[in-house]
Amino acid sequence: MKKNMGMADRVIRSVIAVVIAILYFAGILTGIWGLILLILACVFLLTSVVSFCPLYLPLGINTCGKSDKL
């Protein structure tokens, strides 16, 4: 897998994931929408860790700079 996520993209996704998790476990996000957002937060964290977003491939998006690519 080639990296297709830059550092800024990874940080933004991580921050969003942490905020969603905090809101969910604090009881602010509840029900089915809370669960869906928690799953999305997990996906955001996973893609941030591996620096690869499969959705970017068909869309042709690459936020990774030239020096970040492997």
C-alpha atoms as a PDB file:
ATOM      1  CA  MET A   1       0.000   0.000   0.000  1.00  0.00           C
ATOM      2  CA  LYS A   2       1.281   3.415  -0.901  1.00  0.00           C
ATOM      3  CA  LYS A   3       0.667   6.237   1.521  1.00  0.00           C
ATOM      4  CA  ASN A   4      -1.960   8.665   0.287  1.00  0.00           C
ATOM      5  CA  MET A   5      -2.543  10.720   3.444  1.00  0.00           C
ATOM      6  CA  GLY A   6      -0.405  13.616   4.567  1.00  0.00           C
ATOM      7  CA  MET A   7       0.373  14.591   8.145  1.00  0.00           C
ATOM      8  CA  ALA A   8      -2.295  17.309   8.305  1.00  0.00           C
ATOM      9  CA  ASP A   9      -4.959  14.881   7.069  1.00  0.00           C
ATOM     10  CA  ARG A  10      -3.906  12.290   9.647  1.00  0.00           C
ATOM     11  CA  VAL A  11      -3.966  14.798  12.523  1.00  0.00           C
ATOM     12  CA  ILE A  12      -7.393  16.153  11.549  1.00  0.00           C
ATOM     13  CA  ARG A  13      -8.847  12.637  11.343  1.00  0.00           C
ATOM     14  CA  SER A  14      -7.331  11.700  14.696  1.00  0.00           C
ATOM     15  CA  VAL A  15      -8.710  14.794  16.422  1.00  0.00           C
ATOM     16  CA  ILE A  16     -12.185  14.201  14.961  1.00  0.00           C
ATOM     17  CA  ALA A  17     -12.068  10.564  16.080  1.00  0.00           C
ATOM     18  CA  VAL A  18     -11.062  11.490  19.627  1.00  0.00           C
ATOM     19  CA  VAL A  19     -13.797  14.138  19.877  1.00  0.00           C
ATOM     20  CA  ILE A  20     -16.442  11.680  18.649  1.00  0.00           C
ATOM     21  CA  ALA A  21     -15.243   9.033  21.131  1.00  0.00           C
ATOM     22  CA  ILE A  22     -15.352  11.512  24.016  1.00  0.00           C
ATOM     23  CA  LEU A  23     -18.859  12.639  23.075  1.00  0.00           C
ATOM     24  CA  TYR A  24     -20.034   9.039  22.765  1.00  0.00           C
ATOM     25  CA  PHE A  25     -18.612   7.828  26.077  1.00  0.00           C
ATOM     26  CA  ALA A  26     -19.810  11.002  27.853  1.00  0.00           C
ATOM     27  CA  GLY A  27     -23.344  10.109  26.813  1.00  0.00           C
ATOM     28  CA  ILE A  28     -23.849  13.101  24.532  1.00  0.00           C
ATOM     29  CA  LEU A  29     -23.983  10.997  21.369  1.00  0.00           C
ATOM     30  CA  THR A  30     -26.445   8.180  21.916  1.00  0.00           C
ATOM     31  CA  GLY A  31     -28.529   5.711  20.005  1.00  0.00           C
ATOM     32  CA  ILE A  32     -27.883   4.425  16.518  1.00  0.00           C
ATOM     33  CA  TRP A  33     -26.308   7.698  15.348  1.00  0.00           C
ATOM     34  CA  GLY A  34     -23.853   7.618  18.220  1.00  0.00           C
ATOM     35  CA  LEU A  35     -22.880   4.061  17.355  1.00  0.00           C
ATOM     36  CA  ILE A  36     -22.468   4.906  13.662  1.00  0.00           C
ATOM     37  CA  LEU A  37     -20.263   7.884  14.517  1.00  0.00           C
ATOM     38  CA  LEU A  38     -18.202   5.741  16.903  1.00  0.00           C
ATOM     39  CA  ILE A  39     -17.589   3.211  14.124  1.00  0.00           C
ATOM     40  CA  LEU A  40     -16.622   6.085  11.801  1.00  0.00           C
ATOM     41  CA  ALA A  41     -14.208   7.329  14.468  1.00  0.00           C
ATOM     42  CA  CYS A  42     -12.576   3.897  14.580  1.00  0.00           C
ATOM     43  CA  VAL A  43     -12.177   3.937  10.796  1.00  0.00           C
ATOM     44  CA  PHE A  44     -10.665   7.426  10.996  1.00  0.00           C
ATOM     45  CA  LEU A  45      -8.128   6.258  13.583  1.00  0.00           C
ATOM     46  CA  LEU A  46      -7.229   3.147  11.606  1.00  0.00           C
ATOM     47  CA  THR A  47      -6.682   5.073   8.374  1.00  0.00           C
ATOM     48  CA  SER A  48      -4.646   7.680  10.258  1.00  0.00           C
ATOM     49  CA  VAL A  49      -2.349   5.026  11.710  1.00  0.00           C
ATOM     50  CA  VAL A  50      -1.683   3.308   8.367  1.00  0.00           C
ATOM     51  CA  SER A  51      -1.610   6.596   6.357  1.00  0.00           C
ATOM     52  CA  PHE A  52      -3.834   5.051   3.705  1.00  0.00           C
ATOM     53  CA  CYS A  53      -7.455   5.776   2.834  1.00  0.00           C
ATOM     54  CA  PRO A  54      -9.030   3.299   0.384  1.00  0.00           C
ATOM     55  CA  LEU A  55     -11.709   5.843  -0.545  1.00  0.00           C
ATOM     56  CA  TYR A  56      -9.022   8.177  -1.881  1.00  0.00           C
ATOM     57  CA  LEU A  57      -7.984   5.706  -4.618  1.00  0.00           C
ATOM     58  CA  PRO A  58     -11.114   5.833  -6.828  1.00  0.00           C
ATOM     59  CA  LEU A  59     -11.455   9.571  -6.180  1.00  0.00           C
ATOM     60  CA  GLY A  60      -7.825  10.224  -7.152  1.00  0.00           C
ATOM     61  CA  ILE A  61      -7.065  12.136  -3.956  1.00  0.00           C
ATOM     62  CA  ASN A  62      -3.559  12.219  -2.513  1.00  0.00           C
ATOM     63  CA  THR A  63      -2.808  14.562   0.387  1.00  0.00           C
ATOM     64  CA  CYS A  64       0.644  13.096   0.886  1.00  0.00           C
ATOM     65  CA  GLY A  65       3.525  15.330  -0.095  1.00  0.00           C
ATOM     66  CA  LYS A  66       6.383  14.065  -2.256  1.00  0.00           C
ATOM     67  CA  SER A  67       8.663  13.539   0.745  1.00  0.00           C
ATOM     68  CA  ASP A  68       6.015  11.462   2.638  1.00  0.00           C
ATOM     69  CA  LYS A  69       5.486   8.824  -0.075  1.00  0.00           C
ATOM     70  CA  LEU A  70       7.017   5.378   0.184  1.00  0.00           C
END
